[in-house]
Structure formats: structure tokens, C-alpha cells
Amino acid sequence: MKAIGIDKGLIVNAYVLQVIFMCLAGSGLGLALLSAVTRLLTVYPLSFPGGPVYPAVETAQILQSMASLFIVSVVAGYVPAQRTASEEILSAIRG
């Protein structure tokens, strides 16, 4: 992108937006899967010798996990994008 004249800030923003989209899509898909598995195991609990086992899902822990995933994802997308966008085109071509 830099080779065709796109500004460094726009390149970094594009990568960060992609990371945010993937994080939100993955979180949504994970929540849907968690909801399905929780409902399935609530209706059909696992049978153990000590009795049936039901899932115990706490909303606060899920939200905390999603927030940390979001923060880590943005940082993990921003740092390499910033480094790559700051690199000179000719030095990137030469390796």
C-alpha cells in the first residue's frame, strides 16, 4: 500500500480496523457457540458418579475475557502495522 502512495496513518488504521472486525466477529461467534453448548449441557447434563454436572457460566468473566481479548488484539495489530508502515520501501524490497 505504501508503494502506491497511501499515507502511513491510513495503512495502520486499515490494519487496526481489520483486527477490530476480526475480534468482534470472533467474540460474537464464540458467544453463540458458548450459548449453544451451555443450553445443550443444561438440557442434557454430563453424568458423573457424584451426580449430573451443569455448566456454570458467569457473565462478568466472559465480559472481562472479551475486553482483554480486544485490548490484546488491538495492540497485536497496531505494533506490527506501525513497524511495517514505518519501514522504507526499498529496504523492504531488498529484505
PDB file of N, CA and C in Angstrom:
ATOM      1  N   MET A   1       0.819  -1.189   0.000  1.00  0.00           N
ATOM      2  CA  MET A   1       0.000   0.000   0.000  1.00  0.00           C
ATOM      3  C   MET A   1       0.863   1.254   0.000  1.00  0.00           C
ATOM      4  N   LYS A   2       1.957   1.171   0.737  1.00  0.00           N
ATOM      5  CA  LYS A   2       2.847   2.323   0.798  1.00  0.00           C
ATOM      6  C   LYS A   2       3.479   2.585  -0.566  1.00  0.00           C
ATOM      7  N   ALA A   3       3.724   1.520  -1.325  1.00  0.00           N
ATOM      8  CA  ALA A   3       4.348   1.659  -2.634  1.00  0.00           C
ATOM      9  C   ALA A   3       3.453   2.402  -3.626  1.00  0.00           C
ATOM     10  N   ILE A   4       2.156   2.367  -3.418  1.00  0.00           N
ATOM     11  CA  ILE A   4       1.264   3.081  -4.335  1.00  0.00           C
ATOM     12  C   ILE A   4       0.859   4.447  -3.791  1.00  0.00           C
ATOM     13  N   GLY A   5       1.481   4.871  -2.680  1.00  0.00           N
ATOM     14  CA  GLY A   5       1.309   6.229  -2.201  1.00  0.00           C
ATOM     15  C   GLY A   5       0.283   6.440  -1.104  1.00  0.00           C
ATOM     16  N   ILE A   6      -0.169   5.383  -0.477  1.00  0.00           N
ATOM     17  CA  ILE A   6      -1.130   5.541   0.615  1.00  0.00           C
ATOM     18  C   ILE A   6      -0.382   5.993   1.865  1.00  0.00           C
ATOM     19  N   ASP A   7      -0.979   6.925   2.581  1.00  0.00           N
ATOM     20  CA  ASP A   7      -0.364   7.507   3.775  1.00  0.00           C
ATOM     21  C   ASP A   7      -0.152   6.443   4.853  1.00  0.00           C
ATOM     22  N   LYS A   8       0.934   6.617   5.607  1.00  0.00           N
ATOM     23  CA  LYS A   8       1.295   5.671   6.674  1.00  0.00           C
ATOM     24  C   LYS A   8       0.167   5.520   7.699  1.00  0.00           C
ATOM     25  N   GLY A   9      -0.448   6.621   8.089  1.00  0.00           N
ATOM     26  CA  GLY A   9      -1.536   6.573   9.074  1.00  0.00           C
ATOM     27  C   GLY A   9      -2.731   5.774   8.575  1.00  0.00           C
ATOM     28  N   LEU A  10      -3.043   5.907   7.299  1.00  0.00           N
ATOM     29  CA  LEU A  10      -4.160   5.147   6.729  1.00  0.00           C
ATOM     30  C   LEU A  10      -3.867   3.648   6.692  1.00  0.00           C
ATOM     31  N   ILE A  11      -2.619   3.303   6.449  1.00  0.00           N
ATOM     32  CA  ILE A  11      -2.238   1.884   6.426  1.00  0.00           C
ATOM     33  C   ILE A  11      -2.411   1.281   7.817  1.00  0.00           C
ATOM     34  N   VAL A  12      -1.911   1.984   8.826  1.00  0.00           N
ATOM     35  CA  VAL A  12      -2.023   1.498  10.207  1.00  0.00           C
ATOM     36  C   VAL A  12      -3.487   1.407  10.610  1.00  0.00           C
ATOM     37  N   ASN A  13      -4.270   2.431  10.288  1.00  0.00           N
ATOM     38  CA  ASN A  13      -5.696   2.411  10.624  1.00  0.00           C
ATOM     39  C   ASN A  13      -6.430   1.267   9.942  1.00  0.00           C
ATOM     40  N   ALA A  14      -6.072   0.964   8.701  1.00  0.00           N
ATOM     41  CA  ALA A  14      -6.719  -0.139   7.986  1.00  0.00           C
ATOM     42  C   ALA A  14      -6.446  -1.468   8.683  1.00  0.00           C
ATOM     43  N   TYR A  15      -5.202  -1.684   9.092  1.00  0.00           N
ATOM     44  CA  TYR A  15      -4.872  -2.933   9.787  1.00  0.00           C
ATOM     45  C   TYR A  15      -5.568  -3.016  11.147  1.00  0.00           C
ATOM     46  N   VAL A  16      -5.607  -1.914  11.867  1.00  0.00           N
ATOM     47  CA  VAL A  16      -6.257  -1.916  13.180  1.00  0.00           C
ATOM     48  C   VAL A  16      -7.760  -2.163  13.021  1.00  0.00           C
ATOM     49  N   LEU A  17      -8.381  -1.572  12.017  1.00  0.00           N
ATOM     50  CA  LEU A  17      -9.809  -1.825  11.779  1.00  0.00           C
ATOM     51  C   LEU A  17     -10.072  -3.285  11.418  1.00  0.00           C
ATOM     52  N   GLN A  18      -9.168  -3.890  10.644  1.00  0.00           N
ATOM     53  CA  GLN A  18      -9.307  -5.317  10.330  1.00  0.00           C
ATOM     54  C   GLN A  18      -9.218  -6.156  11.600  1.00  0.00           C
ATOM     55  N   VAL A  19      -8.291  -5.814  12.476  1.00  0.00           N
ATOM     56  CA  VAL A  19      -8.126  -6.551  13.729  1.00  0.00           C
ATOM     57  C   VAL A  19      -9.370  -6.393  14.598  1.00  0.00           C
ATOM     58  N   ILE A  20      -9.904  -5.184  14.674  1.00  0.00           N
ATOM     59  CA  ILE A  20     -11.106  -4.949  15.476  1.00  0.00           C
ATOM     60  C   ILE A  20     -12.281  -5.748  14.914  1.00  0.00           C
ATOM     61  N   PHE A  21     -12.425  -5.752  13.596  1.00  0.00           N
ATOM     62  CA  PHE A  21     -13.511  -6.516  12.982  1.00  0.00           C
ATOM     63  C   PHE A  21     -13.375  -8.005  13.280  1.00  0.00           C
ATOM     64  N   MET A  22     -12.166  -8.542  13.125  1.00  0.00           N
ATOM     65  CA  MET A  22     -11.961  -9.969  13.397  1.00  0.00           C
ATOM     66  C   MET A  22     -12.190 -10.295  14.869  1.00  0.00           C
ATOM     67  N   CYS A  23     -11.793  -9.385  15.752  1.00  0.00           N
ATOM     68  CA  CYS A  23     -12.007  -9.596  17.186  1.00  0.00           C
ATOM     69  C   CYS A  23     -13.493  -9.610  17.507  1.00  0.00           C
ATOM     70  N   LEU A  24     -14.240  -8.667  16.964  1.00  0.00           N
ATOM     71  CA  LEU A  24     -15.677  -8.616  17.214  1.00  0.00           C
ATOM     72  C   LEU A  24     -16.401  -9.813  16.606  1.00  0.00           C
ATOM     73  N   ALA A  25     -16.000 -10.193  15.387  1.00  0.00           N
ATOM     74  CA  ALA A  25     -16.623 -11.355  14.750  1.00  0.00           C
ATOM     75  C   ALA A  25     -16.314 -12.632  15.529  1.00  0.00           C
ATOM     76  N   GLY A  26     -15.069 -12.779  15.971  1.00  0.00           N
ATOM     77  CA  GLY A  26     -14.697 -13.955  16.756  1.00  0.00           C
ATOM     78  C   GLY A  26     -15.391 -13.996  18.106  1.00  0.00           C
ATOM     79  N   SER A  27     -15.535 -12.835  18.727  1.00  0.00           N
ATOM     80  CA  SER A  27     -16.241 -12.780  20.008  1.00  0.00           C
ATOM     81  C   SER A  27     -17.706 -13.138  19.840  1.00  0.00           C
ATOM     82  N   GLY A  28     -18.323 -12.628  18.790  1.00  0.00           N
ATOM     83  CA  GLY A  28     -19.727 -12.955  18.524  1.00  0.00           C
ATOM     84  C   GLY A  28     -19.927 -14.426  18.247  1.00  0.00           C
ATOM     85  N   LEU A  29     -19.044 -14.987  17.438  1.00  0.00           N
ATOM     86  CA  LEU A  29     -19.117 -16.419  17.138  1.00  0.00           C
ATOM     87  C   LEU A  29     -18.870 -17.253  18.395  1.00  0.00           C
ATOM     88  N   GLY A  30     -17.916 -16.824  19.217  1.00  0.00           N
ATOM     89  CA  GLY A  30     -17.640 -17.524  20.466  1.00  0.00           C
ATOM     90  C   GLY A  30     -18.813 -17.466  21.438  1.00  0.00           C
ATOM     91  N   LEU A  31     -19.470 -16.305  21.514  1.00  0.00           N
ATOM     92  CA  LEU A  31     -20.645 -16.188  22.376  1.00  0.00           C
ATOM     93  C   LEU A  31     -21.780 -17.085  21.896  1.00  0.00           C
ATOM     94  N   ALA A  32     -21.974 -17.156  20.579  1.00  0.00           N
ATOM     95  CA  ALA A  32     -23.022 -18.022  20.034  1.00  0.00           C
ATOM     96  C   ALA A  32     -22.716 -19.484  20.338  1.00  0.00           C
ATOM     97  N   LEU A  33     -21.460 -19.883  20.165  1.00  0.00           N
ATOM     98  CA  LEU A  33     -21.062 -21.264  20.449  1.00  0.00           C
ATOM     99  C   LEU A  33     -21.194 -21.568  21.943  1.00  0.00           C
ATOM    100  N   LEU A  34     -20.777 -20.646  22.784  1.00  0.00           N
ATOM    101  CA  LEU A  34     -20.910 -20.829  24.228  1.00  0.00           C
ATOM    102  C   LEU A  34     -22.365 -20.960  24.634  1.00  0.00           C
ATOM    103  N   SER A  35     -23.206 -20.135  24.056  1.00  0.00           N
ATOM    104  CA  SER A  35     -24.634 -20.192  24.371  1.00  0.00           C
ATOM    105  C   SER A  35     -25.234 -21.533  23.960  1.00  0.00           C
ATOM    106  N   ALA A  36     -24.864 -22.005  22.775  1.00  0.00           N
ATOM    107  CA  ALA A  36     -25.390 -23.287  22.299  1.00  0.00           C
ATOM    108  C   ALA A  36     -24.924 -24.442  23.173  1.00  0.00           C
ATOM    109  N   VAL A  37     -23.643 -24.460  23.517  1.00  0.00           N
ATOM    110  CA  VAL A  37     -23.110 -25.545  24.348  1.00  0.00           C
ATOM    111  C   VAL A  37     -23.704 -25.484  25.755  1.00  0.00           C
ATOM    112  N   THR A  38     -23.865 -24.281  26.300  1.00  0.00           N
ATOM    113  CA  THR A  38     -24.452 -24.136  27.632  1.00  0.00           C
ATOM    114  C   THR A  38     -25.892 -24.632  27.653  1.00  0.00           C
ATOM    115  N   ARG A  39     -26.671 -24.269  26.641  1.00  0.00           N
ATOM    116  CA  ARG A  39     -28.064 -24.738  26.581  1.00  0.00           C
ATOM    117  C   ARG A  39     -28.126 -26.250  26.402  1.00  0.00           C
ATOM    118  N   LEU A  40     -27.254 -26.786  25.566  1.00  0.00           N
ATOM    119  CA  LEU A  40     -27.236 -28.231  25.340  1.00  0.00           C
ATOM    120  C   LEU A  40     -26.882 -28.973  26.627  1.00  0.00           C
ATOM    121  N   LEU A  41     -25.863 -28.488  27.345  1.00  0.00           N
ATOM    122  CA  LEU A  41     -25.451 -29.169  28.574  1.00  0.00           C
ATOM    123  C   LEU A  41     -26.415 -28.921  29.728  1.00  0.00           C
ATOM    124  N   THR A  42     -27.214 -27.866  29.659  1.00  0.00           N
ATOM    125  CA  THR A  42     -28.235 -27.648  30.675  1.00  0.00           C
ATOM    126  C   THR A  42     -29.380 -28.635  30.489  1.00  0.00           C
ATOM    127  N   VAL A  43     -29.746 -28.883  29.228  1.00  0.00           N
ATOM    128  CA  VAL A  43     -30.823 -29.834  28.934  1.00  0.00           C
ATOM    129  C   VAL A  43     -30.335 -31.270  29.135  1.00  0.00           C
ATOM    130  N   TYR A  44     -29.117 -31.553  28.660  1.00  0.00           N
ATOM    131  CA  TYR A  44     -28.545 -32.903  28.771  1.00  0.00           C
ATOM    132  C   TYR A  44     -27.233 -32.819  29.557  1.00  0.00           C
ATOM    133  N   PRO A  45     -27.298 -32.760  30.890  1.00  0.00           N
ATOM    134  CA  PRO A  45     -26.069 -32.616  31.689  1.00  0.00           C
ATOM    135  C   PRO A  45     -25.188 -33.865  31.609  1.00  0.00           C
ATOM    136  N   LEU A  46     -23.916 -33.658  31.895  1.00  0.00           N
ATOM    137  CA  LEU A  46     -22.971 -34.772  31.926  1.00  0.00           C
ATOM    138  C   LEU A  46     -23.222 -35.598  33.181  1.00  0.00           C
ATOM    139  N   SER A  47     -23.246 -36.886  33.020  1.00  0.00           N
ATOM    140  CA  SER A  47     -23.496 -37.784  34.164  1.00  0.00           C
ATOM    141  C   SER A  47     -22.183 -38.288  34.736  1.00  0.00           C
ATOM    142  N   PHE A  48     -21.971 -38.014  36.006  1.00  0.00           N
ATOM    143  CA  PHE A  48     -20.810 -38.494  36.724  1.00  0.00           C
ATOM    144  C   PHE A  48     -21.291 -39.260  37.949  1.00  0.00           C
ATOM    145  N   PRO A  49     -20.413 -40.058  38.571  1.00  0.00           N
ATOM    146  CA  PRO A  49     -20.833 -40.814  39.748  1.00  0.00           C
ATOM    147  C   PRO A  49     -21.342 -39.929  40.888  1.00  0.00           C
ATOM    148  N   GLY A  50     -20.849 -38.703  40.974  1.00  0.00           N
ATOM    149  CA  GLY A  50     -21.285 -37.797  42.027  1.00  0.00           C
ATOM    150  C   GLY A  50     -22.588 -37.085  41.704  1.00  0.00           C
ATOM    151  N   GLY A  51     -23.108 -37.267  40.505  1.00  0.00           N
ATOM    152  CA  GLY A  51     -24.348 -36.611  40.094  1.00  0.00           C
ATOM    153  C   GLY A  51     -24.155 -35.873  38.785  1.00  0.00           C
ATOM    154  N   PRO A  52     -25.232 -35.308  38.266  1.00  0.00           N
ATOM    155  CA  PRO A  52     -25.129 -34.592  36.988  1.00  0.00           C
ATOM    156  C   PRO A  52     -24.340 -33.283  37.133  1.00  0.00           C
ATOM    157  N   VAL A  53     -23.642 -32.908  36.062  1.00  0.00           N
ATOM    158  CA  VAL A  53     -22.825 -31.701  36.066  1.00  0.00           C
ATOM    159  C   VAL A  53     -23.410 -30.710  35.064  1.00  0.00           C
ATOM    160  N   TYR A  54     -23.720 -29.513  35.564  1.00  0.00           N
ATOM    161  CA  TYR A  54     -24.264 -28.443  34.734  1.00  0.00           C
ATOM    162  C   TYR A  54     -23.199 -27.364  34.535  1.00  0.00           C
ATOM    163  N   PRO A  55     -23.231 -26.658  33.416  1.00  0.00           N
ATOM    164  CA  PRO A  55     -22.243 -25.587  33.216  1.00  0.00           C
ATOM    165  C   PRO A  55     -22.543 -24.381  34.100  1.00  0.00           C
ATOM    166  N   ALA A  56     -21.501 -23.766  34.602  1.00  0.00           N
ATOM    167  CA  ALA A  56     -21.633 -22.548  35.399  1.00  0.00           C
ATOM    168  C   ALA A  56     -20.877 -21.439  34.669  1.00  0.00           C
ATOM    169  N   VAL A  57     -21.614 -20.581  33.973  1.00  0.00           N
ATOM    170  CA  VAL A  57     -21.014 -19.510  33.189  1.00  0.00           C
ATOM    171  C   VAL A  57     -21.345 -18.182  33.855  1.00  0.00           C
ATOM    172  N   GLU A  58     -20.304 -17.400  34.147  1.00  0.00           N
ATOM    173  CA  GLU A  58     -20.500 -16.098  34.775  1.00  0.00           C
ATOM    174  C   GLU A  58     -20.288 -15.002  33.736  1.00  0.00           C
ATOM    175  N   THR A  59     -21.250 -14.109  33.649  1.00  0.00           N
ATOM    176  CA  THR A  59     -21.214 -13.041  32.651  1.00  0.00           C
ATOM    177  C   THR A  59     -20.024 -12.114  32.857  1.00  0.00           C
ATOM    178  N   ALA A  60     -19.690 -11.834  34.092  1.00  0.00           N
ATOM    179  CA  ALA A  60     -18.574 -10.919  34.385  1.00  0.00           C
ATOM    180  C   ALA A  60     -17.256 -11.478  33.849  1.00  0.00           C
ATOM    181  N   GLN A  61     -17.040 -12.768  34.003  1.00  0.00           N
ATOM    182  CA  GLN A  61     -15.807 -13.373  33.493  1.00  0.00           C
ATOM    183  C   GLN A  61     -15.764 -13.353  31.976  1.00  0.00           C
ATOM    184  N   ILE A  62     -16.898 -13.586  31.346  1.00  0.00           N
ATOM    185  CA  ILE A  62     -16.947 -13.559  29.886  1.00  0.00           C
ATOM    186  C   ILE A  62     -16.649 -12.156  29.373  1.00  0.00           C
ATOM    187  N   LEU A  63     -17.250 -11.137  29.986  1.00  0.00           N
ATOM    188  CA  LEU A  63     -17.009  -9.759  29.568  1.00  0.00           C
ATOM    189  C   LEU A  63     -15.561  -9.345  29.812  1.00  0.00           C
ATOM    190  N   GLN A  64     -14.988  -9.792  30.912  1.00  0.00           N
ATOM    191  CA  GLN A  64     -13.587  -9.484  31.190  1.00  0.00           C
ATOM    192  C   GLN A  64     -12.677 -10.152  30.165  1.00  0.00           C
ATOM    193  N   SER A  65     -12.977 -11.382  29.811  1.00  0.00           N
ATOM    194  CA  SER A  65     -12.185 -12.082  28.805  1.00  0.00           C
ATOM    195  C   SER A  65     -12.295 -11.407  27.443  1.00  0.00           C
ATOM    196  N   MET A  66     -13.501 -10.972  27.087  1.00  0.00           N
ATOM    197  CA  MET A  66     -13.694 -10.292  25.806  1.00  0.00           C
ATOM    198  C   MET A  66     -12.959  -8.945  25.784  1.00  0.00           C
ATOM    199  N   ALA A  67     -12.969  -8.222  26.899  1.00  0.00           N
ATOM    200  CA  ALA A  67     -12.267  -6.938  26.968  1.00  0.00           C
ATOM    201  C   ALA A  67     -10.765  -7.144  26.837  1.00  0.00           C
ATOM    202  N   SER A  68     -10.215  -8.150  27.537  1.00  0.00           N
ATOM    203  CA  SER A  68      -8.776  -8.401  27.414  1.00  0.00           C
ATOM    204  C   SER A  68      -8.414  -8.863  26.016  1.00  0.00           C
ATOM    205  N   LEU A  69      -9.260  -9.684  25.405  1.00  0.00           N
ATOM    206  CA  LEU A  69      -9.011 -10.123  24.033  1.00  0.00           C
ATOM    207  C   LEU A  69      -8.997  -8.920  23.096  1.00  0.00           C
ATOM    208  N   PHE A  70      -9.910  -7.990  23.286  1.00  0.00           N
ATOM    209  CA  PHE A  70      -9.985  -6.808  22.443  1.00  0.00           C
ATOM    210  C   PHE A  70      -8.722  -5.962  22.580  1.00  0.00           C
ATOM    211  N   ILE A  71      -8.282  -5.727  23.815  1.00  0.00           N
ATOM    212  CA  ILE A  71      -7.083  -4.909  24.051  1.00  0.00           C
ATOM    213  C   ILE A  71      -5.847  -5.569  23.454  1.00  0.00           C
ATOM    214  N   VAL A  72      -5.683  -6.856  23.712  1.00  0.00           N
ATOM    215  CA  VAL A  72      -4.517  -7.570  23.195  1.00  0.00           C
ATOM    216  C   VAL A  72      -4.546  -7.610  21.670  1.00  0.00           C
ATOM    217  N   SER A  73      -5.714  -7.784  21.085  1.00  0.00           N
ATOM    218  CA  SER A  73      -5.832  -7.829  19.632  1.00  0.00           C
ATOM    219  C   SER A  73      -5.452  -6.501  18.993  1.00  0.00           C
ATOM    220  N   VAL A  74      -5.914  -5.407  19.586  1.00  0.00           N
ATOM    221  CA  VAL A  74      -5.589  -4.090  19.024  1.00  0.00           C
ATOM    222  C   VAL A  74      -4.092  -3.820  19.122  1.00  0.00           C
ATOM    223  N   VAL A  75      -3.494  -4.140  20.251  1.00  0.00           N
ATOM    224  CA  VAL A  75      -2.050  -3.935  20.406  1.00  0.00           C
ATOM    225  C   VAL A  75      -1.286  -4.841  19.440  1.00  0.00           C
ATOM    226  N   ALA A  76      -1.710  -6.101  19.333  1.00  0.00           N
ATOM    227  CA  ALA A  76      -1.027  -7.053  18.449  1.00  0.00           C
ATOM    228  C   ALA A  76      -1.216  -6.694  16.977  1.00  0.00           C
ATOM    229  N   GLY A  77      -2.231  -5.942  16.642  1.00  0.00           N
ATOM    230  CA  GLY A  77      -2.403  -5.489  15.268  1.00  0.00           C
ATOM    231  C   GLY A  77      -1.704  -4.173  15.005  1.00  0.00           C
ATOM    232  N   TYR A  78      -1.662  -3.292  16.007  1.00  0.00           N
ATOM    233  CA  TYR A  78      -1.084  -1.961  15.831  1.00  0.00           C
ATOM    234  C   TYR A  78       0.437  -1.999  15.725  1.00  0.00           C
ATOM    235  N   VAL A  79       1.085  -2.737  16.613  1.00  0.00           N
ATOM    236  CA  VAL A  79       2.555  -2.715  16.670  1.00  0.00           C
ATOM    237  C   VAL A  79       3.178  -3.192  15.359  1.00  0.00           C
ATOM    238  N   PRO A  80       2.805  -4.359  14.803  1.00  0.00           N
ATOM    239  CA  PRO A  80       3.414  -4.761  13.534  1.00  0.00           C
ATOM    240  C   PRO A  80       3.028  -3.839  12.370  1.00  0.00           C
ATOM    241  N   ALA A  81       1.807  -3.325  12.379  1.00  0.00           N
ATOM    242  CA  ALA A  81       1.393  -2.421  11.309  1.00  0.00           C
ATOM    243  C   ALA A  81       2.210  -1.135  11.352  1.00  0.00           C
ATOM    244  N   GLN A  82       2.450  -0.630  12.541  1.00  0.00           N
ATOM    245  CA  GLN A  82       3.256   0.593  12.701  1.00  0.00           C
ATOM    246  C   GLN A  82       4.687   0.354  12.238  1.00  0.00           C
ATOM    247  N   ARG A  83       5.255  -0.764  12.618  1.00  0.00           N
ATOM    248  CA  ARG A  83       6.635  -1.074  12.213  1.00  0.00           C
ATOM    249  C   ARG A  83       6.734  -1.250  10.700  1.00  0.00           C
ATOM    250  N   THR A  84       5.784  -1.968  10.137  1.00  0.00           N
ATOM    251  CA  THR A  84       5.816  -2.219   8.695  1.00  0.00           C
ATOM    252  C   THR A  84       5.601  -0.932   7.918  1.00  0.00           C
ATOM    253  N   ALA A  85       4.678  -0.094   8.357  1.00  0.00           N
ATOM    254  CA  ALA A  85       4.406   1.155   7.652  1.00  0.00           C
ATOM    255  C   ALA A  85       5.564   2.140   7.782  1.00  0.00           C
ATOM    256  N   SER A  86       6.349   2.043   8.840  1.00  0.00           N
ATOM    257  CA  SER A  86       7.483   2.943   9.045  1.00  0.00           C
ATOM    258  C   SER A  86       8.707   2.526   8.248  1.00  0.00           C
ATOM    259  N   GLU A  87       8.727   1.302   7.780  1.00  0.00           N
ATOM    260  CA  GLU A  87       9.886   0.797   7.044  1.00  0.00           C
ATOM    261  C   GLU A  87       9.955   1.426   5.657  1.00  0.00           C
ATOM    262  N   GLU A  88      11.150   1.700   5.222  1.00  0.00           N
ATOM    263  CA  GLU A  88      11.345   2.256   3.885  1.00  0.00           C
ATOM    264  C   GLU A  88      11.026   1.207   2.828  1.00  0.00           C
ATOM    265  N   ILE A  89      10.477   1.640   1.716  1.00  0.00           N
ATOM    266  CA  ILE A  89      10.047   0.718   0.669  1.00  0.00           C
ATOM    267  C   ILE A  89      11.229  -0.050   0.096  1.00  0.00           C
ATOM    268  N   LEU A  90      12.318   0.629  -0.221  1.00  0.00           N
ATOM    269  CA  LEU A  90      13.460  -0.047  -0.828  1.00  0.00           C
ATOM    270  C   LEU A  90      14.113  -1.058   0.103  1.00  0.00           C
ATOM    271  N   SER A  91      14.176  -0.745   1.390  1.00  0.00           N
ATOM    272  CA  SER A  91      14.772  -1.704   2.323  1.00  0.00           C
ATOM    273  C   SER A  91      13.857  -2.909   2.487  1.00  0.00           C
ATOM    274  N   ALA A  92      12.547  -2.730   2.379  1.00  0.00           N
ATOM    275  CA  ALA A  92      11.614  -3.856   2.461  1.00  0.00           C
ATOM    276  C   ALA A  92      11.764  -4.742   1.237  1.00  0.00           C
ATOM    277  N   ILE A  93      11.988  -4.154   0.083  1.00  0.00           N
ATOM    278  CA  ILE A  93      12.167  -4.937  -1.150  1.00  0.00           C
ATOM    279  C   ILE A  93      13.450  -5.732  -1.083  1.00  0.00           C
ATOM    280  N   ARG A  94      14.516  -5.123  -0.581  1.00  0.00           N
ATOM    281  CA  ARG A  94      15.808  -5.800  -0.513  1.00  0.00           C
ATOM    282  C   ARG A  94      15.845  -6.898   0.540  1.00  0.00           C
ATOM    283  N   GLY A  95      14.946  -6.827   1.531  1.00  0.00           N
ATOM    284  CA  GLY A  95      14.873  -7.887   2.546  1.00  0.00           C
ATOM    285  C   GLY A  95      15.689  -7.547   3.695  1.00  0.00           C
TER     286      GLY A  95
END
